[in-house]
PDB file of N, CA and C in Angstrom:
ATOM      1  N   MET A   1      55.936  51.272 103.830  1.00  0.00           N
ATOM      2  CA  MET A   1      55.145  51.175 102.700  1.00  0.00           C
ATOM      3  C   MET A   1      53.701  51.230 103.122  1.00  0.00           C
ATOM      4  N   PRO A   2      52.707  51.936 102.319  1.00  0.00           N
ATOM      5  CA  PRO A   2      51.598  52.055 102.421  1.00  0.00           C
ATOM      6  C   PRO A   2      50.802  50.781 102.458  1.00  0.00           C
ATOM      7  N   LEU A   3      49.630  50.494 103.215  1.00  0.00           N
ATOM      8  CA  LEU A   3      49.065  49.509 103.569  1.00  0.00           C
ATOM      9  C   LEU A   3      48.546  48.907 102.397  1.00  0.00           C
ATOM     10  N   LEU A   4      47.908  49.310 101.293  1.00  0.00           N
ATOM     11  CA  LEU A   4      47.651  48.656  99.995  1.00  0.00           C
ATOM     12  C   LEU A   4      48.751  48.448  99.015  1.00  0.00           C
ATOM     13  N   ALA A   5      49.741  49.235  99.096  1.00  0.00           N
ATOM     14  CA  ALA A   5      50.988  48.626  98.473  1.00  0.00           C
ATOM     15  C   ALA A   5      51.482  47.704  99.153  1.00  0.00           C
ATOM     16  N   ALA A   6      51.564  47.149 100.425  1.00  0.00           N
ATOM     17  CA  ALA A   6      52.392  46.208 100.975  1.00  0.00           C
ATOM     18  C   ALA A   6      51.418  44.976 100.491  1.00  0.00           C
ATOM     19  N   ALA A   7      50.042  45.088 100.447  1.00  0.00           N
ATOM     20  CA  ALA A   7      49.247  43.966 100.312  1.00  0.00           C
ATOM     21  C   ALA A   7      49.358  43.670  98.642  1.00  0.00           C
ATOM     22  N   ARG A   8      49.500  44.716  97.648  1.00  0.00           N
ATOM     23  CA  ARG A   8      49.837  44.170  96.411  1.00  0.00           C
ATOM     24  C   ARG A   8      51.085  43.594  96.239  1.00  0.00           C
ATOM     25  N   ALA A   9      52.305  43.760  96.718  1.00  0.00           N
ATOM     26  CA  ALA A   9      53.287  43.189  97.127  1.00  0.00           C
ATOM     27  C   ALA A   9      53.329  41.796  97.172  1.00  0.00           C
ATOM     28  N   GLU A  10      52.478  41.794  98.576  1.00  0.00           N
ATOM     29  CA  GLU A  10      52.555  40.381  98.600  1.00  0.00           C
ATOM     30  C   GLU A  10      51.725  39.525  97.756  1.00  0.00           C
ATOM     31  N   ALA A  11      50.691  39.840  97.085  1.00  0.00           N
ATOM     32  CA  ALA A  11      50.118  39.345  95.932  1.00  0.00           C
ATOM     33  C   ALA A  11      50.945  38.935  94.781  1.00  0.00           C
ATOM     34  N   GLY A  12      51.884  39.558  94.577  1.00  0.00           N
ATOM     35  CA  GLY A  12      52.850  39.364  93.689  1.00  0.00           C
ATOM     36  C   GLY A  12      54.327  38.460  94.020  1.00  0.00           C
ATOM     37  N   SER A  13      54.072  38.040  95.262  1.00  0.00           N
ATOM     38  CA  SER A  13      55.298  37.483  95.929  1.00  0.00           C
ATOM     39  C   SER A  13      55.346  35.897  95.448  1.00  0.00           C
ATOM     40  N   GLY A  14      54.402  35.716  95.075  1.00  0.00           N
ATOM     41  CA  GLY A  14      54.656  34.037  94.865  1.00  0.00           C
ATOM     42  C   GLY A  14      54.419  32.916  95.946  1.00  0.00           C
ATOM     43  N   LYS A  15      54.343  33.794  97.317  1.00  0.00           N
ATOM     44  CA  LYS A  15      54.225  32.949  98.505  1.00  0.00           C
ATOM     45  C   LYS A  15      52.647  32.080  98.321  1.00  0.00           C
ATOM     46  N   PRO A  16      52.667  31.069  98.896  1.00  0.00           N
ATOM     47  CA  PRO A  16      51.269  30.338  99.417  1.00  0.00           C
ATOM     48  C   PRO A  16      50.466  31.129 100.071  1.00  0.00           C
ATOM     49  N   PHE A  17      49.234  31.376  99.899  1.00  0.00           N
ATOM     50  CA  PHE A  17      48.216  32.362 100.526  1.00  0.00           C
ATOM     51  C   PHE A  17      48.086  32.424 101.685  1.00  0.00           C
ATOM     52  N   PRO A  18      48.160  31.004 102.594  1.00  0.00           N
ATOM     53  CA  PRO A  18      48.455  31.060 104.043  1.00  0.00           C
ATOM     54  C   PRO A  18      49.233  32.031 104.495  1.00  0.00           C
ATOM     55  N   GLU A  19      50.715  31.796 103.883  1.00  0.00           N
ATOM     56  CA  GLU A  19      51.787  32.427 104.430  1.00  0.00           C
ATOM     57  C   GLU A  19      51.567  33.968 104.291  1.00  0.00           C
ATOM     58  N   VAL A  20      51.089  34.279 103.078  1.00  0.00           N
ATOM     59  CA  VAL A  20      50.595  35.944 103.060  1.00  0.00           C
ATOM     60  C   VAL A  20      49.939  36.222 104.113  1.00  0.00           C
ATOM     61  N   VAL A  21      48.589  35.636 104.529  1.00  0.00           N
ATOM     62  CA  VAL A  21      47.394  35.788 105.235  1.00  0.00           C
ATOM     63  C   VAL A  21      48.450  36.196 106.707  1.00  0.00           C
ATOM     64  N   LYS A  22      49.115  35.303 107.065  1.00  0.00           N
ATOM     65  CA  LYS A  22      49.770  35.271 108.439  1.00  0.00           C
ATOM     66  C   LYS A  22      50.548  36.750 108.381  1.00  0.00           C
ATOM     67  N   THR A  23      51.157  36.917 107.316  1.00  0.00           N
ATOM     68  CA  THR A  23      51.944  38.473 106.973  1.00  0.00           C
ATOM     69  C   THR A  23      51.204  39.565 107.614  1.00  0.00           C
ATOM     70  N   PHE A  24      50.047  39.495 107.427  1.00  0.00           N
ATOM     71  CA  PHE A  24      49.064  40.797 107.715  1.00  0.00           C
ATOM     72  C   PHE A  24      47.959  40.654 109.064  1.00  0.00           C
ATOM     73  N   GLY A  25      48.155  39.135 109.241  1.00  0.00           N
ATOM     74  CA  GLY A  25      47.520  38.706 110.800  1.00  0.00           C
ATOM     75  C   GLY A  25      46.315  37.713 110.271  1.00  0.00           C
ATOM     76  N   LEU A  26      45.783  36.891 111.200  1.00  0.00           N
ATOM     77  CA  LEU A  26      44.641  35.842 110.984  1.00  0.00           C
ATOM     78  C   LEU A  26      43.592  36.755 111.595  1.00  0.00           C
ATOM     79  N   SER A  27      43.374  37.458 112.456  1.00  0.00           N
ATOM     80  CA  SER A  27      42.216  38.283 112.918  1.00  0.00           C
ATOM     81  C   SER A  27      41.561  39.000 111.806  1.00  0.00           C
ATOM     82  N   CYS A  28      40.194  39.185 112.150  1.00  0.00           N
ATOM     83  CA  CYS A  28      39.109  40.228 111.526  1.00  0.00           C
ATOM     84  C   CYS A  28      39.713  41.810 111.538  1.00  0.00           C
ATOM     85  N   ALA A  29      40.539  41.995 112.244  1.00  0.00           N
ATOM     86  CA  ALA A  29      41.031  43.460 112.838  1.00  0.00           C
ATOM     87  C   ALA A  29      41.375  44.116 111.583  1.00  0.00           C
ATOM     88  N   LEU A  30      41.221  45.274 111.419  1.00  0.00           N
ATOM     89  CA  LEU A  30      41.886  46.332 110.173  1.00  0.00           C
ATOM     90  C   LEU A  30      43.022  46.756 110.556  1.00  0.00           C
ATOM     91  N   PRO A  31      43.930  46.931 110.012  1.00  0.00           N
ATOM     92  CA  PRO A  31      44.094  46.901 108.494  1.00  0.00           C
ATOM     93  C   PRO A  31      44.264  45.625 107.964  1.00  0.00           C
ATOM     94  N   GLY A  32      44.614  44.747 108.658  1.00  0.00           N
ATOM     95  CA  GLY A  32      44.935  43.190 108.208  1.00  0.00           C
ATOM     96  C   GLY A  32      43.989  42.739 107.291  1.00  0.00           C
ATOM     97  N   ALA A  33      42.744  42.515 107.885  1.00  0.00           N
ATOM     98  CA  ALA A  33      41.788  41.886 107.217  1.00  0.00           C
ATOM     99  C   ALA A  33      41.647  42.270 105.782  1.00  0.00           C
ATOM    100  N   LEU A  34      41.782  43.702 105.300  1.00  0.00           N
ATOM    101  CA  LEU A  34      41.586  44.245 104.224  1.00  0.00           C
ATOM    102  C   LEU A  34      42.988  43.969 103.098  1.00  0.00           C
ATOM    103  N   GLN A  35      44.073  44.072 103.900  1.00  0.00           N
ATOM    104  CA  GLN A  35      44.946  43.522 103.186  1.00  0.00           C
ATOM    105  C   GLN A  35      45.071  42.353 102.512  1.00  0.00           C
ATOM    106  N   ASN A  36      44.615  41.484 103.506  1.00  0.00           N
ATOM    107  CA  ASN A  36      44.499  40.035 103.279  1.00  0.00           C
ATOM    108  C   ASN A  36      43.476  39.649 101.797  1.00  0.00           C
ATOM    109  N   ALA A  37      42.263  40.274 101.934  1.00  0.00           N
ATOM    110  CA  ALA A  37      41.634  40.409 100.753  1.00  0.00           C
ATOM    111  C   ALA A  37      41.902  41.306  99.643  1.00  0.00           C
ATOM    112  N   VAL A  38      42.933  42.210  99.740  1.00  0.00           N
ATOM    113  CA  VAL A  38      43.206  42.813  98.620  1.00  0.00           C
ATOM    114  C   VAL A  38      44.604  42.234  97.966  1.00  0.00           C
ATOM    115  N   ALA A  39      45.462  41.191  98.620  1.00  0.00           N
ATOM    116  CA  ALA A  39      46.425  40.618  98.546  1.00  0.00           C
ATOM    117  C   ALA A  39      45.660  39.137  97.607  1.00  0.00           C
ATOM    118  N   GLY A  40      44.643  38.721  98.250  1.00  0.00           N
ATOM    119  CA  GLY A  40      43.862  37.710  97.634  1.00  0.00           C
ATOM    120  C   GLY A  40      43.247  37.788  96.336  1.00  0.00           C
ATOM    121  N   ALA A  41      42.771  38.864  96.367  1.00  0.00           N
ATOM    122  CA  ALA A  41      41.936  39.371  94.944  1.00  0.00           C
ATOM    123  C   ALA A  41      43.432  39.383  93.972  1.00  0.00           C
ATOM    124  N   GLY A  42      44.343  39.919  94.234  1.00  0.00           N
ATOM    125  CA  GLY A  42      45.371  40.284  93.100  1.00  0.00           C
ATOM    126  C   GLY A  42      46.138  38.729  93.114  1.00  0.00           C
ATOM    127  N   ALA A  43      46.256  38.094  94.142  1.00  0.00           N
ATOM    128  CA  ALA A  43      46.833  36.603  93.855  1.00  0.00           C
ATOM    129  C   ALA A  43      45.789  35.565  93.002  1.00  0.00           C
ATOM    130  N   PHE A  44      44.779  35.928  93.019  1.00  0.00           N
ATOM    131  CA  PHE A  44      43.541  34.891  92.591  1.00  0.00           C
ATOM    132  C   PHE A  44      42.914  35.733  91.239  1.00  0.00           C
ATOM    133  N   ALA A  45      43.141  36.635  90.737  1.00  0.00           N
ATOM    134  CA  ALA A  45      42.604  37.432  89.836  1.00  0.00           C
ATOM    135  C   ALA A  45      42.235  36.409  88.620  1.00  0.00           C
ATOM    136  N   GLY A  46      40.944  36.382  88.298  1.00  0.00           N
ATOM    137  CA  GLY A  46      40.625  35.457  87.195  1.00  0.00           C
ATOM    138  C   GLY A  46      39.978  33.967  87.771  1.00  0.00           C
ATOM    139  N   ARG A  47      40.331  33.819  89.084  1.00  0.00           N
ATOM    140  CA  ARG A  47      39.965  32.630  89.807  1.00  0.00           C
ATOM    141  C   ARG A  47      39.388  32.614  90.798  1.00  0.00           C
ATOM    142  N   TYR A  48      38.120  32.977  90.841  1.00  0.00           N
ATOM    143  CA  TYR A  48      37.133  33.114  91.887  1.00  0.00           C
ATOM    144  C   TYR A  48      37.058  31.916  92.965  1.00  0.00           C
ATOM    145  N   ALA A  49      36.882  30.758  92.291  1.00  0.00           N
ATOM    146  CA  ALA A  49      36.648  29.551  93.464  1.00  0.00           C
ATOM    147  C   ALA A  49      38.177  29.102  94.034  1.00  0.00           C
ATOM    148  N   ASP A  50      39.177  29.153  93.169  1.00  0.00           N
ATOM    149  CA  ASP A  50      40.552  29.230  93.789  1.00  0.00           C
ATOM    150  C   ASP A  50      40.423  30.033  94.947  1.00  0.00           C
ATOM    151  N   GLY A  51      40.450  31.231  94.554  1.00  0.00           N
ATOM    152  CA  GLY A  51      40.392  32.290  95.565  1.00  0.00           C
ATOM    153  C   GLY A  51      39.557  32.211  96.967  1.00  0.00           C
ATOM    154  N   VAL A  52      38.413  31.755  96.734  1.00  0.00           N
ATOM    155  CA  VAL A  52      37.531  31.478  98.201  1.00  0.00           C
ATOM    156  C   VAL A  52      38.041  30.381  98.747  1.00  0.00           C
ATOM    157  N   ARG A  53      38.547  29.291  97.984  1.00  0.00           N
ATOM    158  CA  ARG A  53      38.904  28.094  98.592  1.00  0.00           C
ATOM    159  C   ARG A  53      40.456  28.308  99.268  1.00  0.00           C
ATOM    160  N   ALA A  54      40.924  29.012  98.687  1.00  0.00           N
ATOM    161  CA  ALA A  54      42.480  29.099  99.574  1.00  0.00           C
ATOM    162  C   ALA A  54      42.323  30.156 100.631  1.00  0.00           C
ATOM    163  N   ASN A  55      41.390  31.242 100.626  1.00  0.00           N
ATOM    164  CA  ASN A  55      40.909  31.966 101.807  1.00  0.00           C
ATOM    165  C   ASN A  55      40.439  30.939 102.961  1.00  0.00           C
ATOM    166  N   ILE A  56      39.393  30.312 102.796  1.00  0.00           N
ATOM    167  CA  ILE A  56      38.864  29.213 103.604  1.00  0.00           C
ATOM    168  C   ILE A  56      40.149  28.236 104.263  1.00  0.00           C
ATOM    169  N   MET A  57      40.891  28.063 103.728  1.00  0.00           N
ATOM    170  CA  MET A  57      42.223  27.225 104.153  1.00  0.00           C
ATOM    171  C   MET A  57      42.936  27.851 104.699  1.00  0.00           C
ATOM    172  N   ALA A  58      43.241  29.113 104.379  1.00  0.00           N
ATOM    173  CA  ALA A  58      44.310  29.924 105.239  1.00  0.00           C
ATOM    174  C   ALA A  58      43.957  29.853 106.835  1.00  0.00           C
ATOM    175  N   GLY A  59      42.876  29.622 107.368  1.00  0.00           N
ATOM    176  CA  GLY A  59      42.155  29.345 108.488  1.00  0.00           C
ATOM    177  C   GLY A  59      42.226  31.229 109.258  1.00  0.00           C
ATOM    178  N   GLY A  60      42.284  31.286 110.194  1.00  0.00           N
ATOM    179  CA  GLY A  60      41.652  32.352 110.945  1.00  0.00           C
ATOM    180  C   GLY A  60      40.560  32.880 111.218  1.00  0.00           C
ATOM    181  N   ASP A  61      40.353  34.132 111.056  1.00  0.00           N
ATOM    182  CA  ASP A  61      38.950  34.869 110.660  1.00  0.00           C
ATOM    183  C   ASP A  61      38.804  34.758 109.417  1.00  0.00           C
ATOM    184  N   ASN A  62      38.553  33.940 108.829  1.00  0.00           N
ATOM    185  CA  ASN A  62      38.470  33.525 106.894  1.00  0.00           C
ATOM    186  C   ASN A  62      36.950  34.187 106.610  1.00  0.00           C
ATOM    187  N   CYS A  63      36.297  34.355 107.540  1.00  0.00           N
ATOM    188  CA  CYS A  63      34.809  34.795 107.152  1.00  0.00           C
ATOM    189  C   CYS A  63      34.789  36.120 106.733  1.00  0.00           C
ATOM    190  N   SER A  64      35.187  37.118 107.612  1.00  0.00           N
ATOM    191  CA  SER A  64      35.375  38.486 107.552  1.00  0.00           C
ATOM    192  C   SER A  64      36.473  38.584 106.229  1.00  0.00           C
ATOM    193  N   ARG A  65      37.343  37.871 106.022  1.00  0.00           N
ATOM    194  CA  ARG A  65      38.100  38.100 104.514  1.00  0.00           C
ATOM    195  C   ARG A  65      37.542  37.862 103.509  1.00  0.00           C
ATOM    196  N   SER A  66      36.554  36.609 103.536  1.00  0.00           N
ATOM    197  CA  SER A  66      35.741  36.154 102.409  1.00  0.00           C
ATOM    198  C   SER A  66      34.734  37.129 101.563  1.00  0.00           C
ATOM    199  N   VAL A  67      33.957  38.078 102.664  1.00  0.00           N
ATOM    200  CA  VAL A  67      33.052  38.969 102.130  1.00  0.00           C
ATOM    201  C   VAL A  67      33.587  39.911 101.055  1.00  0.00           C
ATOM    202  N   LEU A  68      34.987  40.509 101.762  1.00  0.00           N
ATOM    203  CA  LEU A  68      35.375  41.414 100.556  1.00  0.00           C
ATOM    204  C   LEU A  68      36.239  40.505  99.512  1.00  0.00           C
ATOM    205  N   LEU A  69      36.998  39.397  99.578  1.00  0.00           N
ATOM    206  CA  LEU A  69      37.687  38.733  98.823  1.00  0.00           C
ATOM    207  C   LEU A  69      36.469  38.055  97.760  1.00  0.00           C
ATOM    208  N   GLY A  70      35.583  37.484  98.250  1.00  0.00           N
ATOM    209  CA  GLY A  70      34.695  37.271  97.316  1.00  0.00           C
ATOM    210  C   GLY A  70      33.891  38.554  96.363  1.00  0.00           C
ATOM    211  N   ALA A  71      33.522  39.633  96.914  1.00  0.00           N
ATOM    212  CA  ALA A  71      33.252  40.429  96.250  1.00  0.00           C
ATOM    213  C   ALA A  71      34.039  41.282  95.257  1.00  0.00           C
ATOM    214  N   LEU A  72      35.275  41.487  95.815  1.00  0.00           N
ATOM    215  CA  LEU A  72      36.496  41.880  94.655  1.00  0.00           C
ATOM    216  C   LEU A  72      36.611  40.832  93.429  1.00  0.00           C
ATOM    217  N   LEU A  73      36.530  39.441  93.770  1.00  0.00           N
ATOM    218  CA  LEU A  73      36.862  38.737  92.525  1.00  0.00           C
ATOM    219  C   LEU A  73      35.616  38.638  91.742  1.00  0.00           C
ATOM    220  N   ALA A  74      34.278  38.772  92.597  1.00  0.00           N
ATOM    221  CA  ALA A  74      33.462  38.780  91.566  1.00  0.00           C
ATOM    222  C   ALA A  74      33.028  39.957  90.749  1.00  0.00           C
ATOM    223  N   ALA A  75      33.473  41.049  91.284  1.00  0.00           N
ATOM    224  CA  ALA A  75      33.592  42.541  90.575  1.00  0.00           C
ATOM    225  C   ALA A  75      34.094  42.122  89.357  1.00  0.00           C
ATOM    226  N   GLU A  76      35.280  41.689  89.402  1.00  0.00           N
ATOM    227  CA  GLU A  76      36.041  41.429  88.611  1.00  0.00           C
ATOM    228  C   GLU A  76      35.655  40.591  87.475  1.00  0.00           C
ATOM    229  N   GLY A  77      35.266  39.287  87.750  1.00  0.00           N
ATOM    230  CA  GLY A  77      34.785  38.524  86.795  1.00  0.00           C
ATOM    231  C   GLY A  77      33.397  38.267  86.666  1.00  0.00           C
ATOM    232  N   GLY A  78      32.127  39.179  87.020  1.00  0.00           N
ATOM    233  CA  GLY A  78      30.860  39.145  87.089  1.00  0.00           C
ATOM    234  C   GLY A  78      30.326  37.922  87.608  1.00  0.00           C
ATOM    235  N   ALA A  79      29.153  37.659  87.579  1.00  0.00           N
ATOM    236  CA  ALA A  79      28.541  36.687  88.237  1.00  0.00           C
ATOM    237  C   ALA A  79      28.862  35.185  87.494  1.00  0.00           C
ATOM    238  N   ALA A  80      29.134  35.129  86.148  1.00  0.00           N
ATOM    239  CA  ALA A  80      29.781  34.046  85.431  1.00  0.00           C
ATOM    240  C   ALA A  80      31.100  33.564  86.265  1.00  0.00           C
ATOM    241  N   ALA A  81      31.831  34.449  87.361  1.00  0.00           N
ATOM    242  CA  ALA A  81      32.909  34.081  87.821  1.00  0.00           C
ATOM    243  C   ALA A  81      32.594  32.854  89.041  1.00  0.00           C
ATOM    244  N   VAL A  82      31.389  33.230  89.403  1.00  0.00           N
ATOM    245  CA  VAL A  82      30.769  31.835  90.382  1.00  0.00           C
ATOM    246  C   VAL A  82      30.599  30.685  89.904  1.00  0.00           C
ATOM    247  N   PRO A  83      30.957  29.777  90.423  1.00  0.00           N
ATOM    248  CA  PRO A  83      30.626  28.310  90.097  1.00  0.00           C
ATOM    249  C   PRO A  83      29.144  28.187  89.964  1.00  0.00           C
ATOM    250  N   ALA A  84      28.677  27.507  88.679  1.00  0.00           N
ATOM    251  CA  ALA A  84      27.380  27.248  88.539  1.00  0.00           C
ATOM    252  C   ALA A  84      26.934  26.686  89.848  1.00  0.00           C
ATOM    253  N   GLU A  85      27.500  25.332  90.319  1.00  0.00           N
ATOM    254  CA  GLU A  85      27.157  24.622  91.627  1.00  0.00           C
ATOM    255  C   GLU A  85      26.926  25.275  92.800  1.00  0.00           C
ATOM    256  N   TRP A  86      27.897  26.446  92.719  1.00  0.00           N
ATOM    257  CA  TRP A  86      27.611  27.259  93.714  1.00  0.00           C
ATOM    258  C   TRP A  86      26.530  28.002  93.788  1.00  0.00           C
ATOM    259  N   ALA A  87      26.044  28.736  92.664  1.00  0.00           N
ATOM    260  CA  ALA A  87      25.142  29.505  92.404  1.00  0.00           C
ATOM    261  C   ALA A  87      23.883  28.850  92.636  1.00  0.00           C
ATOM    262  N   ALA A  88      23.642  27.427  92.144  1.00  0.00           N
ATOM    263  CA  ALA A  88      22.593  26.891  92.306  1.00  0.00           C
ATOM    264  C   ALA A  88      22.223  26.542  93.820  1.00  0.00           C
ATOM    265  N   LYS A  89      23.223  26.377  94.683  1.00  0.00           N
ATOM    266  CA  LYS A  89      22.788  26.089  96.082  1.00  0.00           C
ATOM    267  C   LYS A  89      22.834  27.403  97.122  1.00  0.00           C
ATOM    268  N   THR A  90      22.578  28.661  96.193  1.00  0.00           N
ATOM    269  CA  THR A  90      22.609  30.144  96.947  1.00  0.00           C
ATOM    270  C   THR A  90      21.207  30.285  96.769  1.00  0.00           C
ATOM    271  N   SER A  91      20.206  30.278  97.928  1.00  0.00           N
ATOM    272  CA  SER A  91      19.125  30.866  97.844  1.00  0.00           C
ATOM    273  C   SER A  91      18.983  32.292  97.287  1.00  0.00           C
ATOM    274  N   ARG A  92      17.704  32.069  96.315  1.00  0.00           N
ATOM    275  CA  ARG A  92      17.711  33.654  95.699  1.00  0.00           C
ATOM    276  C   ARG A  92      18.963  34.239  94.866  1.00  0.00           C
ATOM    277  N   PHE A  93      19.749  33.473  94.242  1.00  0.00           N
ATOM    278  CA  PHE A  93      20.887  33.875  93.642  1.00  0.00           C
ATOM    279  C   PHE A  93      20.294  34.619  92.684  1.00  0.00           C
ATOM    280  N   ALA A  94      19.312  34.478  91.567  1.00  0.00           N
ATOM    281  CA  ALA A  94      18.944  35.200  90.615  1.00  0.00           C
ATOM    282  C   ALA A  94      18.568  36.439  91.029  1.00  0.00           C
ATOM    283  N   GLU A  95      17.805  36.625  91.987  1.00  0.00           N
ATOM    284  CA  GLU A  95      17.075  37.836  92.755  1.00  0.00           C
ATOM    285  C   GLU A  95      18.540  38.963  93.052  1.00  0.00           C
ATOM    286  N   ILE A  96      19.537  38.336  93.697  1.00  0.00           N
ATOM    287  CA  ILE A  96      20.743  39.203  93.882  1.00  0.00           C
ATOM    288  C   ILE A  96      21.761  39.472  92.904  1.00  0.00           C
ATOM    289  N   GLU A  97      21.493  38.594  91.714  1.00  0.00           N
ATOM    290  CA  GLU A  97      22.274  39.137  90.455  1.00  0.00           C
ATOM    291  C   GLU A  97      21.642  40.127  90.054  1.00  0.00           C
ATOM    292  N   ALA A  98      20.350  40.209  90.034  1.00  0.00           N
ATOM    293  CA  ALA A  98      19.401  41.199  89.454  1.00  0.00           C
ATOM    294  C   ALA A  98      19.549  42.211  89.979  1.00  0.00           C
ATOM    295  N   LEU A  99      19.549  42.240  91.543  1.00  0.00           N
ATOM    296  CA  LEU A  99      19.742  43.668  92.211  1.00  0.00           C
ATOM    297  C   LEU A  99      21.484  44.394  92.003  1.00  0.00           C
ATOM    298  N   ALA A 100      22.291  43.329  91.737  1.00  0.00           N
ATOM    299  CA  ALA A 100      23.704  43.677  91.751  1.00  0.00           C
ATOM    300  C   ALA A 100      23.706  44.682  90.309  1.00  0.00           C
ATOM    301  N   ALA A 101      23.418  43.738  89.270  1.00  0.00           N
ATOM    302  CA  ALA A 101      23.067  44.637  87.782  1.00  0.00           C
ATOM    303  C   ALA A 101      22.404  45.841  88.111  1.00  0.00           C
ATOM    304  N   LYS A 102      21.395  46.012  88.612  1.00  0.00           N
ATOM    305  CA  LYS A 102      20.895  47.491  89.139  1.00  0.00           C
ATOM    306  C   LYS A 102      21.657  48.240  89.518  1.00  0.00           C
ATOM    307  N   LEU A 103      22.677  48.022  90.227  1.00  0.00           N
ATOM    308  CA  LEU A 103      23.628  48.743  91.125  1.00  0.00           C
ATOM    309  C   LEU A 103      24.810  49.373  89.988  1.00  0.00           C
ATOM    310  N   VAL A 104      25.023  48.340  89.491  1.00  0.00           N
ATOM    311  CA  VAL A 104      26.050  48.995  88.201  1.00  0.00           C
ATOM    312  C   VAL A 104      25.646  49.325  87.145  1.00  0.00           C
ATOM    313  N   ALA A 105      24.296  49.707  86.804  1.00  0.00           N
ATOM    314  CA  ALA A 105      23.767  49.949  85.510  1.00  0.00           C
ATOM    315  C   ALA A 105      23.689  51.622  85.469  1.00  0.00           C
TER     316      ALA A 105
END
C-alpha cells in the first residue's frame, strides 16, 4: 500500500492515536514521521488542540511530528484553530500570522 494511503487508512481506523503512531514508528525517521503526521491530520481534522495534545501524549519523537501535524491542522482551520490562550503565549504571534497571510494571498 502506498505510504500516504496507509496513513489515511490508519487515520480512519478508529484506533487510539498512540497506537497509530506505533504502527509507523516513534522515531523522527522518514517515512514514518510523515505518515504519522498525515494520519494525525486525518484523525483530528477540525480539532487542532486535540491533535497536538494527542501527538504529545503518543511519545517518541513527537517534536518532529508536531511541526508537520500542527502545520496541517492549522492550514485546514486557519489561525482561529489555534486556541487563543496558546496564541497569547506565543511571542510575535500576530507577526507570524501576518506573514502566513502574505504567503497564501
